[in-house]
Amino acid sequence: MVFNSFEFILFFPIVTLLYFYLEHKYRWILLLVASAVFYAWFKVEYLLILVFTIIVDYFAGLWIEKSKGKNRKWALAMSILANVGVLAIFKYANFAIGTANALLFRMGKETNDMWDIILPIGLSFHTFQAMSYTIEVYRGTVPAERNLFRYALYVMFYPQLVAGPIERPQNVIHQFLEKHHFDYHRAVSGLRLMLWGMFKKVVIADRLAVFVEKIYDSPDGYQGLPLILATIAFSFQIFCDFSGYTDIALGAARIMGFRLMKNFDRPYFSKSIGEFWRRWHISLSSWFKDYLYIPLGGNRVSLPRKYFNLFLVFMISGLWHGASWNFVIWGTLHGIYQIIGQFTAKWQEKISNLLPSDFLKKVFNAGLVFTLVSFAWIFFRAKTFRQALYISKGIFAKSSHSLSEVLNIFGVKEVIIAVLAVILMEMVHWAQRGESISLIFDKWPKWQKWSVYYLLFLSILFFASYSNIQFIYFQF
């Protein structure tokens, strides 16, 4: 079930009303059943994979807590192996077979048949969340959960089940035991966040997706300006698509009284690639930092080893996103950006100091980061490695179309709506540089707040792209 669907418009209020109607001791059961229905709506078989990893990790947690010495490590290893194994089978098996086939073909040998398997929606998200649990139990941060079904709810909680944020057990499990009373101001805040997320998804992301698909699905007929504009459009599309999902997830959880972690913090305002990754997909960035980068030695090792750790983490991050060499290259590019950025930090500072004001320095640095990030998005979005190479070269070639011709590809009216919507979003982001937009809203008189709500709702009603495009990160 997707957030931008008629089914969810019915599902969400029914579940929320029942949540507050039921006695506290039954609410977590409702949420577990609702989450199972939410996920099964995509495909019932997906639940079997969830059930397998939930059972394995639940008993692994108990085993870790009661064991000592090597037995604890064996229990943790079993849990991680089970989760990584599920990923390997459903997400990376055909990637490995395809890579092997390419090598075998070049060697003139017989190739292997691809497996007929379908990638379960959000598999990487809930397996990483499950691994967080056993790792934290191993570290002694949280006790092992004794109730199997309550642990299942931690993995399956429907607002963030298929696209995050990737939560930690110490942040979520205890909230299922808290008694949440209906709070009007919290409900308004949650609905406002859901409305804003829906605006970003259906008015901006889905509208930009139409233009991006026209160029990226058949890039061979374009050079220069069309490829540049499509790449910039995708940069905003993927942000609005993913952060829009997160806003809806956080808003839906907030209405019921649950606090999920912030996953985006105006990433395109970043002045360095390092800052970008502290603002983009925060739950995944912090996951890799806490569970991979720091255990590898983090910043406590020699400089060459530190750079190797950074490179490795970002390469694995790329592979996490998708079973394709395009994603590996995308992650590798960000690893290279990080290393070069840290290595040349002093030179960058000297260059930016040549600019006459702090504002221009920030604009220059943010523009440079946006350009680098957008270039890397080419490999993320392109269907094949050959297309990614063509586009990455084609953006520097002489334009095959004039600006007016490019606008006609998408439609002038569509361009105007998309650009105005992006400008509005960035104005909101700019207003948040000092404090949260929620705090700003709370200071406004009621008539101003409700005027904004109605304008957002009407914008969605009249300017939404009703193409029912699935959220991009569902595929991961």
Protein backbone atom coordinates (compact mmCIF):
# COMPACT_ATOMS: atom_id res chain seq x y z
CA MET A 1 0.00 0.00 0.00
CA VAL A 2 1.46 3.34 -1.00
CA PHE A 3 0.87 6.65 0.77
CA ASN A 4 -0.34 8.39 -2.41
CA SER A 5 -3.21 5.95 -2.97
CA PHE A 6 -6.94 5.86 -2.32
CA GLU A 7 -6.46 2.74 -0.17
CA PHE A 8 -4.17 4.62 2.22
CA ILE A 9 -6.62 7.52 2.44
CA LEU A 10 -9.06 5.00 3.94
CA PHE A 11 -6.51 2.89 5.82
CA PHE A 12 -4.81 5.68 7.76
CA PRO A 13 -7.83 7.34 9.47
CA ILE A 14 -9.43 3.96 10.28
CA VAL A 15 -6.26 2.66 11.94
CA THR A 16 -5.66 5.95 13.77
CA LEU A 17 -9.23 6.19 15.09
CA LEU A 18 -9.15 2.57 16.24
CA TYR A 19 -5.77 3.19 17.90
CA PHE A 20 -7.19 5.89 20.16
CA TYR A 21 -10.48 4.04 20.68
CA LEU A 22 -8.88 0.83 21.95
CA GLU A 23 -7.51 0.32 25.43
CA HIS A 24 -3.79 0.93 25.68
CA LYS A 25 -2.93 -2.74 26.22
CA TYR A 26 -4.46 -3.71 22.83
CA ARG A 27 -3.06 -0.88 20.72
CA TRP A 28 0.24 -2.50 19.83
CA ILE A 29 -1.70 -5.55 18.55
CA LEU A 30 -3.75 -3.29 16.29
CA LEU A 31 -0.57 -1.70 14.95
CA LEU A 32 0.99 -5.09 14.28
CA VAL A 33 -2.07 -6.34 12.38
CA ALA A 34 -2.38 -3.04 10.50
CA SER A 35 1.31 -3.17 9.56
CA ALA A 36 0.94 -6.74 8.27
CA VAL A 37 -2.04 -5.69 6.15
CA PHE A 38 -0.15 -2.61 4.91
CA TYR A 39 2.82 -4.72 3.74
CA ALA A 40 0.77 -7.65 2.46
CA TRP A 41 -1.13 -5.21 0.24
CA PHE A 42 1.92 -5.18 -2.05
CA LYS A 43 2.29 -8.98 -2.10
CA VAL A 44 1.31 -11.46 0.60
CA GLU A 45 4.43 -13.58 0.00
CA TYR A 46 6.63 -10.70 1.18
CA LEU A 47 5.38 -11.34 4.72
CA LEU A 48 7.04 -14.76 4.76
CA ILE A 49 10.48 -13.17 4.37
CA LEU A 50 9.71 -10.71 7.16
CA VAL A 51 8.51 -13.50 9.43
CA PHE A 52 11.71 -15.48 8.81
CA THR A 53 14.07 -12.62 9.71
CA ILE A 54 11.91 -11.57 12.67
CA ILE A 55 12.00 -15.06 14.22
CA VAL A 56 15.75 -15.44 13.63
CA ASP A 57 16.60 -12.04 15.12
CA TYR A 58 14.21 -12.41 18.03
CA PHE A 59 15.83 -15.65 19.21
CA ALA A 60 19.29 -14.33 18.37
CA GLY A 61 18.65 -11.38 20.70
CA LEU A 62 17.68 -13.70 23.54
CA TRP A 63 20.70 -15.90 22.85
CA ILE A 64 23.06 -12.93 22.82
CA GLU A 65 21.74 -11.61 26.13
CA LYS A 66 22.03 -14.89 28.06
CA SER A 67 25.37 -15.96 26.52
CA LYS A 68 28.96 -15.06 27.30
CA GLY A 69 32.18 -14.98 25.33
CA LYS A 70 32.24 -16.56 21.90
CA ASN A 71 28.63 -17.72 22.10
CA ARG A 72 27.48 -14.08 22.03
CA LYS A 73 29.53 -13.48 18.88
CA TRP A 74 28.14 -16.63 17.28
CA ALA A 75 24.60 -15.48 17.98
CA LEU A 76 25.26 -12.04 16.50
CA ALA A 77 26.99 -13.61 13.49
CA MET A 78 23.99 -15.90 12.93
CA SER A 79 21.63 -12.93 12.97
CA ILE A 80 23.75 -10.85 10.59
CA LEU A 81 24.30 -13.83 8.30
CA ALA A 82 20.55 -14.51 8.12
CA ASN A 83 19.76 -10.88 7.23
CA VAL A 84 22.62 -10.49 4.76
CA GLY A 85 21.74 -13.89 3.32
CA VAL A 86 18.18 -12.76 2.61
CA LEU A 87 19.56 -9.66 0.90
CA ALA A 88 22.06 -11.75 -1.05
CA ILE A 89 19.39 -14.14 -2.35
CA PHE A 90 16.62 -11.69 -3.23
CA LYS A 91 18.61 -8.58 -4.12
CA TYR A 92 22.09 -9.57 -5.27
CA ALA A 93 21.86 -13.13 -6.63
CA ASN A 94 20.97 -12.08 -10.18
CA PHE A 95 23.50 -9.25 -10.02
CA ALA A 96 26.22 -11.77 -9.18
CA ILE A 97 24.99 -14.20 -11.85
CA GLY A 98 24.84 -11.41 -14.44
CA THR A 99 28.37 -10.25 -13.60
CA ALA A 100 29.65 -13.83 -13.78
CA ASN A 101 27.85 -14.36 -17.10
CA ALA A 102 29.52 -11.29 -18.59
CA LEU A 103 32.94 -12.70 -17.66
CA LEU A 104 32.05 -16.19 -18.90
CA PHE A 105 30.78 -14.79 -22.19
CA ARG A 106 34.04 -12.95 -22.79
CA MET A 107 35.92 -16.15 -22.04
CA GLY A 108 33.73 -18.04 -24.51
CA LYS A 109 32.20 -20.29 -21.86
CA GLU A 110 28.60 -21.28 -21.11
CA THR A 111 26.60 -18.80 -19.06
CA ASN A 112 24.17 -19.48 -16.20
CA ASP A 113 20.40 -18.87 -16.14
CA MET A 114 19.14 -15.94 -14.08
CA TRP A 115 16.93 -16.70 -11.07
CA ASP A 116 13.23 -15.99 -11.34
CA ILE A 117 12.86 -14.00 -8.13
CA ILE A 118 11.16 -10.71 -7.25
CA LEU A 119 12.77 -8.20 -4.90
CA PRO A 120 10.46 -7.61 -1.88
CA ILE A 121 9.63 -3.93 -1.39
CA GLY A 122 11.76 -2.15 1.22
CA LEU A 123 13.89 -5.25 1.89
CA SER A 124 17.09 -3.31 2.60
CA PHE A 125 15.31 -1.03 5.05
CA HIS A 126 13.78 -3.62 7.35
CA THR A 127 16.82 -5.94 7.24
CA PHE A 128 19.07 -3.06 8.34
CA GLN A 129 16.59 -2.14 11.07
CA ALA A 130 16.58 -5.77 12.23
CA MET A 131 20.39 -5.86 12.30
CA SER A 132 20.39 -2.68 14.41
CA TYR A 133 18.45 -4.60 17.07
CA THR A 134 20.83 -7.55 17.47
CA ILE A 135 23.91 -5.29 17.30
CA GLU A 136 22.51 -3.03 20.03
CA VAL A 137 21.59 -6.03 22.19
CA TYR A 138 25.15 -7.33 21.71
CA ARG A 139 26.54 -3.95 22.75
CA GLY A 140 24.31 -3.91 25.83
CA THR A 141 22.55 -0.72 24.75
CA VAL A 142 19.10 -2.33 24.95
CA PRO A 143 17.78 -5.49 26.62
CA ALA A 144 16.47 -8.28 24.43
CA GLU A 145 12.74 -7.93 23.78
CA ARG A 146 10.87 -10.79 25.48
CA ASN A 147 7.65 -10.41 23.50
CA LEU A 148 8.09 -11.83 19.97
CA PHE A 149 5.14 -9.91 18.56
CA ARG A 150 6.23 -6.60 20.05
CA TYR A 151 9.65 -7.13 18.48
CA ALA A 152 7.85 -7.89 15.20
CA LEU A 153 6.10 -4.52 15.47
CA TYR A 154 9.50 -2.81 15.83
CA VAL A 155 10.51 -4.27 12.45
CA MET A 156 7.11 -3.88 10.78
CA PHE A 157 5.76 -0.54 12.10
CA TYR A 158 3.87 0.51 8.99
CA PRO A 159 4.72 4.24 8.64
CA GLN A 160 8.44 3.53 8.15
CA LEU A 161 8.38 -0.13 7.07
CA VAL A 162 9.17 0.17 3.37
CA ALA A 163 11.34 3.30 3.08
CA GLY A 164 12.54 4.27 6.53
CA PRO A 165 13.76 6.04 8.44
CA ILE A 166 15.88 3.09 9.61
CA GLU A 167 15.23 3.24 13.34
CA ARG A 168 17.20 1.93 16.33
CA PRO A 169 15.53 -0.24 19.00
CA GLN A 170 16.41 2.16 21.83
CA ASN A 171 14.44 4.88 20.04
CA VAL A 172 11.28 2.95 19.17
CA ILE A 173 10.50 -0.21 21.15
CA HIS A 174 9.83 1.57 24.44
CA GLN A 175 7.34 3.84 22.66
CA PHE A 176 5.03 0.89 22.03
CA LEU A 177 4.68 0.59 25.82
CA GLU A 178 3.87 4.28 26.33
CA LYS A 179 0.25 5.34 26.64
CA HIS A 180 -0.48 7.96 24.01
CA HIS A 181 -3.46 10.25 24.46
CA PHE A 182 -4.97 12.12 21.55
CA ASP A 183 -3.46 15.58 21.36
CA TYR A 184 -5.01 18.17 19.05
CA HIS A 185 -1.84 20.20 18.51
CA ARG A 186 0.21 17.06 17.86
CA ALA A 187 -2.43 15.82 15.40
CA VAL A 188 -2.42 19.14 13.54
CA SER A 189 1.38 19.08 13.44
CA GLY A 190 1.37 15.52 12.07
CA LEU A 191 -1.29 16.23 9.45
CA ARG A 192 0.60 19.36 8.40
CA LEU A 193 3.75 17.31 7.90
CA MET A 194 1.82 14.68 5.93
CA LEU A 195 0.28 17.40 3.76
CA TRP A 196 3.71 18.91 3.08
CA GLY A 197 5.13 15.49 2.23
CA MET A 198 2.25 14.77 -0.15
CA PHE A 199 2.79 18.15 -1.83
CA LYS A 200 6.46 17.34 -2.42
CA LYS A 201 5.59 13.89 -3.79
CA VAL A 202 2.61 14.46 -6.10
CA VAL A 203 3.07 18.11 -7.10
CA ILE A 204 6.86 18.26 -7.48
CA ALA A 205 8.39 14.77 -7.67
CA ASP A 206 5.75 13.08 -9.83
CA ARG A 207 5.52 16.11 -12.15
CA LEU A 208 9.29 16.24 -12.63
CA ALA A 209 9.33 12.46 -13.14
CA VAL A 210 7.46 12.84 -16.45
CA PHE A 211 10.18 15.08 -17.90
CA VAL A 212 13.03 13.03 -16.44
CA GLU A 213 11.61 9.82 -17.90
CA LYS A 214 11.29 11.34 -21.39
CA ILE A 215 14.98 12.25 -21.43
CA TYR A 216 16.56 9.46 -19.36
CA ASP A 217 14.61 6.57 -20.85
CA SER A 218 15.86 7.47 -24.37
CA PRO A 219 18.89 9.71 -23.85
CA ASP A 220 20.56 8.95 -27.21
CA GLY A 221 18.56 11.65 -28.97
CA TYR A 222 19.72 14.42 -26.66
CA GLN A 223 22.91 16.32 -25.86
CA GLY A 224 23.79 19.32 -23.74
CA LEU A 225 20.90 21.36 -22.33
CA PRO A 226 18.17 18.64 -22.28
CA LEU A 227 20.47 16.26 -20.39
CA ILE A 228 21.55 19.00 -17.97
CA LEU A 229 17.97 20.07 -17.20
CA ALA A 230 16.80 16.46 -16.84
CA THR A 231 19.64 15.76 -14.39
CA ILE A 232 18.81 18.85 -12.33
CA ALA A 233 15.14 17.86 -12.44
CA PHE A 234 16.00 14.40 -11.15
CA SER A 235 18.01 15.91 -8.28
CA PHE A 236 14.84 17.63 -7.09
CA GLN A 237 12.61 14.69 -8.02
CA ILE A 238 14.48 12.18 -5.88
CA PHE A 239 14.72 14.59 -2.95
CA CYS A 240 11.00 15.44 -3.04
CA ASP A 241 10.04 11.80 -3.59
CA PHE A 242 12.12 10.39 -0.73
CA SER A 243 11.79 13.24 1.76
CA GLY A 244 8.08 13.45 0.90
CA TYR A 245 7.68 9.80 1.92
CA THR A 246 9.60 10.49 5.13
CA ASP A 247 7.42 13.50 5.97
CA ILE A 248 4.26 11.41 5.54
CA ALA A 249 5.75 8.60 7.64
CA LEU A 250 6.83 10.93 10.45
CA GLY A 251 3.52 12.79 10.34
CA ALA A 252 1.42 9.61 10.49
CA ALA A 253 3.47 8.30 13.43
CA ARG A 254 3.37 11.68 15.21
CA ILE A 255 -0.43 11.81 15.17
CA MET A 256 -0.50 8.57 17.17
CA GLY A 257 2.21 9.88 19.52
CA PHE A 258 5.28 8.14 18.07
CA ARG A 259 8.55 10.01 17.53
CA LEU A 260 10.58 8.85 14.54
CA MET A 261 14.01 10.22 13.71
CA LYS A 262 14.58 13.06 11.27
CA ASN A 263 15.82 11.75 7.93
CA PHE A 264 16.44 14.94 5.90
CA ASP A 265 17.69 18.38 6.80
CA ARG A 266 17.78 20.61 3.68
CA PRO A 267 20.62 18.63 2.05
CA TYR A 268 20.98 20.86 -1.02
CA PHE A 269 22.00 23.73 1.25
CA SER A 270 25.14 21.78 2.22
CA LYS A 271 28.52 23.45 1.80
CA SER A 272 30.51 20.20 1.56
CA ILE A 273 29.90 16.57 0.57
CA GLY A 274 30.46 15.54 4.20
CA GLU A 275 27.75 17.96 5.29
CA PHE A 276 25.47 16.66 2.52
CA TRP A 277 25.65 13.15 3.99
CA ARG A 278 24.87 14.50 7.45
CA ARG A 279 21.70 15.99 5.96
CA TRP A 280 20.66 13.35 3.38
CA HIS A 281 19.10 10.01 4.41
CA ILE A 282 20.39 10.61 7.93
CA SER A 283 19.22 7.26 9.28
CA LEU A 284 21.25 5.32 6.68
CA SER A 285 24.31 7.58 6.96
CA SER A 286 24.36 7.19 10.74
CA TRP A 287 23.78 3.42 10.36
CA PHE A 288 26.88 2.99 8.23
CA LYS A 289 28.85 5.31 10.50
CA ASP A 290 27.92 3.48 13.73
CA TYR A 291 27.95 -0.11 12.47
CA LEU A 292 30.61 -0.10 9.75
CA TYR A 293 32.82 3.00 9.61
CA ILE A 294 33.60 3.24 13.34
CA PRO A 295 34.16 -0.55 13.77
CA LEU A 296 36.60 -0.33 10.83
CA GLY A 297 38.57 2.21 12.84
CA GLY A 298 36.83 5.41 11.84
CA ASN A 299 39.06 8.44 12.32
CA ARG A 300 41.32 6.69 14.84
CA VAL A 301 43.53 5.10 12.18
CA SER A 302 46.22 6.35 9.84
CA LEU A 303 45.20 8.77 7.11
CA PRO A 304 45.47 6.22 4.24
CA ARG A 305 43.40 3.72 6.24
CA LYS A 306 40.84 6.41 7.06
CA TYR A 307 40.45 7.23 3.36
CA PHE A 308 40.16 3.52 2.56
CA ASN A 309 37.43 3.17 5.21
CA LEU A 310 35.52 6.10 3.72
CA PHE A 311 35.84 4.70 0.22
CA LEU A 312 34.72 1.22 1.30
CA VAL A 313 31.71 2.49 3.25
CA PHE A 314 30.45 4.60 0.36
CA MET A 315 30.99 1.82 -2.15
CA ILE A 316 28.94 -0.54 0.07
CA SER A 317 26.35 2.22 0.50
CA GLY A 318 26.01 2.35 -3.28
CA LEU A 319 25.54 -1.42 -3.41
CA TRP A 320 22.94 -1.16 -0.62
CA HIS A 321 20.88 1.05 -2.90
CA GLY A 322 20.76 -1.37 -5.78
CA ALA A 323 22.19 -4.51 -7.35
CA SER A 324 23.84 -2.77 -10.29
CA TRP A 325 27.25 -1.41 -11.20
CA ASN A 326 25.58 1.96 -11.67
CA PHE A 327 24.83 2.12 -7.94
CA VAL A 328 28.33 0.94 -7.05
CA ILE A 329 29.79 3.75 -9.18
CA TRP A 330 27.36 6.24 -7.62
CA GLY A 331 28.54 5.27 -4.13
CA THR A 332 32.17 5.20 -5.26
CA LEU A 333 31.86 8.73 -6.65
CA HIS A 334 30.64 9.97 -3.28
CA GLY A 335 33.52 8.18 -1.60
CA ILE A 336 35.95 9.93 -3.95
CA TYR A 337 34.19 13.25 -3.31
CA GLN A 338 34.64 12.74 0.43
CA ILE A 339 38.34 11.88 0.17
CA ILE A 340 39.16 14.74 -2.21
CA GLY A 341 37.05 17.12 -0.12
CA GLN A 342 38.95 16.29 3.07
CA PHE A 343 42.33 16.26 1.31
CA THR A 344 41.78 19.68 -0.29
CA ALA A 345 39.85 21.33 2.56
CA LYS A 346 42.46 24.08 3.12
CA TRP A 347 42.70 24.89 -0.59
CA GLN A 348 38.91 25.09 -0.83
CA GLU A 349 38.84 27.51 2.10
CA LYS A 350 41.47 29.74 0.43
CA ILE A 351 39.46 29.80 -2.82
CA SER A 352 36.18 30.60 -1.08
CA ASN A 353 37.91 33.35 0.93
CA LEU A 354 38.54 35.17 -2.36
CA LEU A 355 34.81 35.87 -2.51
CA PRO A 356 33.79 39.23 -0.99
CA SER A 357 31.07 38.06 1.44
CA ASP A 358 30.05 35.09 3.57
CA PHE A 359 26.79 34.83 1.63
CA LEU A 360 28.62 34.42 -1.70
CA LYS A 361 30.92 31.83 -0.08
CA LYS A 362 27.91 29.81 1.03
CA VAL A 363 26.27 30.13 -2.39
CA PHE A 364 29.48 29.09 -4.17
CA ASN A 365 30.06 26.07 -1.89
CA ALA A 366 26.40 24.97 -1.99
CA GLY A 367 26.38 25.33 -5.78
CA LEU A 368 29.53 23.23 -6.09
CA VAL A 369 28.12 20.50 -3.84
CA PHE A 370 24.80 20.49 -5.75
CA THR A 371 26.70 20.15 -9.05
CA LEU A 372 28.79 17.22 -7.80
CA VAL A 373 25.77 15.47 -6.25
CA SER A 374 23.70 16.00 -9.41
CA PHE A 375 26.48 14.56 -11.58
CA ALA A 376 26.57 11.45 -9.38
CA TRP A 377 22.77 11.13 -9.66
CA ILE A 378 23.29 10.37 -13.36
CA PHE A 379 24.60 6.90 -12.46
CA PHE A 380 21.78 6.46 -9.92
CA ARG A 381 19.03 7.24 -12.45
CA ALA A 382 20.34 5.88 -15.74
CA LYS A 383 18.96 2.48 -16.70
CA THR A 384 22.26 1.07 -17.86
CA PHE A 385 25.95 1.78 -17.45
CA ARG A 386 26.20 2.64 -21.14
CA GLN A 387 23.42 5.22 -20.80
CA ALA A 388 25.08 6.70 -17.71
CA LEU A 389 28.36 7.12 -19.61
CA TYR A 390 26.53 8.68 -22.56
CA ILE A 391 24.72 11.18 -20.34
CA SER A 392 27.82 12.04 -18.27
CA LYS A 393 29.63 12.89 -21.51
CA GLY A 394 26.61 14.38 -23.27
CA ILE A 395 26.01 17.09 -20.69
CA PHE A 396 29.29 18.71 -21.82
CA ALA A 397 28.44 18.50 -25.55
CA LYS A 398 26.82 21.16 -27.71
CA SER A 399 23.10 21.28 -27.05
CA SER A 400 20.89 19.31 -29.41
CA HIS A 401 17.84 21.43 -28.57
CA SER A 402 17.16 25.08 -27.80
CA LEU A 403 15.60 26.09 -24.48
CA SER A 404 12.20 26.61 -26.11
CA GLU A 405 12.36 23.14 -27.66
CA VAL A 406 13.26 21.60 -24.29
CA LEU A 407 10.33 23.39 -22.65
CA ASN A 408 8.00 22.07 -25.31
CA ILE A 409 9.15 18.50 -24.57
CA PHE A 410 7.73 18.85 -21.08
CA GLY A 411 5.12 21.52 -21.71
CA VAL A 412 5.48 25.19 -20.73
CA LYS A 413 2.59 25.01 -18.26
CA GLU A 414 4.07 21.93 -16.60
CA VAL A 415 7.46 23.63 -16.33
CA ILE A 416 5.97 26.75 -14.73
CA ILE A 417 4.06 24.69 -12.14
CA ALA A 418 7.13 22.56 -11.32
CA VAL A 419 9.51 25.54 -11.06
CA LEU A 420 7.12 27.55 -8.88
CA ALA A 421 6.59 24.53 -6.61
CA VAL A 422 10.36 24.00 -6.26
CA ILE A 423 10.85 27.71 -5.50
CA LEU A 424 8.13 27.53 -2.83
CA MET A 425 9.80 24.49 -1.27
CA GLU A 426 13.21 26.15 -1.21
CA MET A 427 11.71 29.30 0.31
CA VAL A 428 10.36 27.12 3.13
CA HIS A 429 13.81 25.51 3.51
CA TRP A 430 15.42 28.95 3.61
CA ALA A 431 12.97 30.07 6.30
CA GLN A 432 14.01 27.03 8.38
CA ARG A 433 17.69 27.97 8.55
CA GLY A 434 17.17 29.55 11.96
CA GLU A 435 14.45 27.39 13.49
CA SER A 436 12.01 24.63 12.63
CA ILE A 437 9.11 25.56 10.36
CA SER A 438 6.80 23.99 12.97
CA LEU A 439 7.97 26.50 15.57
CA ILE A 440 7.51 29.30 13.05
CA PHE A 441 3.99 28.11 12.30
CA ASP A 442 3.10 27.95 15.99
CA LYS A 443 3.76 31.68 16.28
CA TRP A 444 1.36 32.57 13.49
CA PRO A 445 -2.29 33.48 14.12
CA LYS A 446 -4.78 30.74 13.38
CA TRP A 447 -6.16 32.35 10.21
CA GLN A 448 -2.69 32.47 8.62
CA LYS A 449 -1.96 28.84 9.47
CA TRP A 450 -5.24 27.57 8.07
CA SER A 451 -4.83 29.69 4.94
CA VAL A 452 -1.56 27.89 4.28
CA TYR A 453 -3.18 24.49 4.94
CA TYR A 454 -5.99 25.21 2.48
CA LEU A 455 -3.55 26.50 -0.15
CA LEU A 456 -1.44 23.35 0.17
CA PHE A 457 -4.52 21.14 -0.04
CA LEU A 458 -5.85 22.98 -3.10
CA SER A 459 -2.41 22.84 -4.72
CA ILE A 460 -2.42 19.07 -4.30
CA LEU A 461 -5.99 18.83 -5.55
CA PHE A 462 -5.47 20.90 -8.71
CA PHE A 463 -1.76 20.53 -9.51
CA ALA A 464 -0.95 16.97 -8.50
CA SER A 465 0.34 14.61 -11.15
CA TYR A 466 -2.17 11.74 -10.97
CA SER A 467 0.15 9.20 -12.57
CA ASN A 468 0.33 7.02 -9.43
CA ILE A 469 4.14 6.84 -9.60
CA GLN A 470 5.56 4.59 -6.89
CA PHE A 471 8.05 6.02 -4.41
CA ILE A 472 11.60 5.67 -5.78
CA TYR A 473 13.09 4.16 -2.64
CA PHE A 474 10.52 1.33 -2.52
CA GLN A 475 12.81 -0.57 -4.89
CA PHE A 476 15.52 -0.70 -2.23
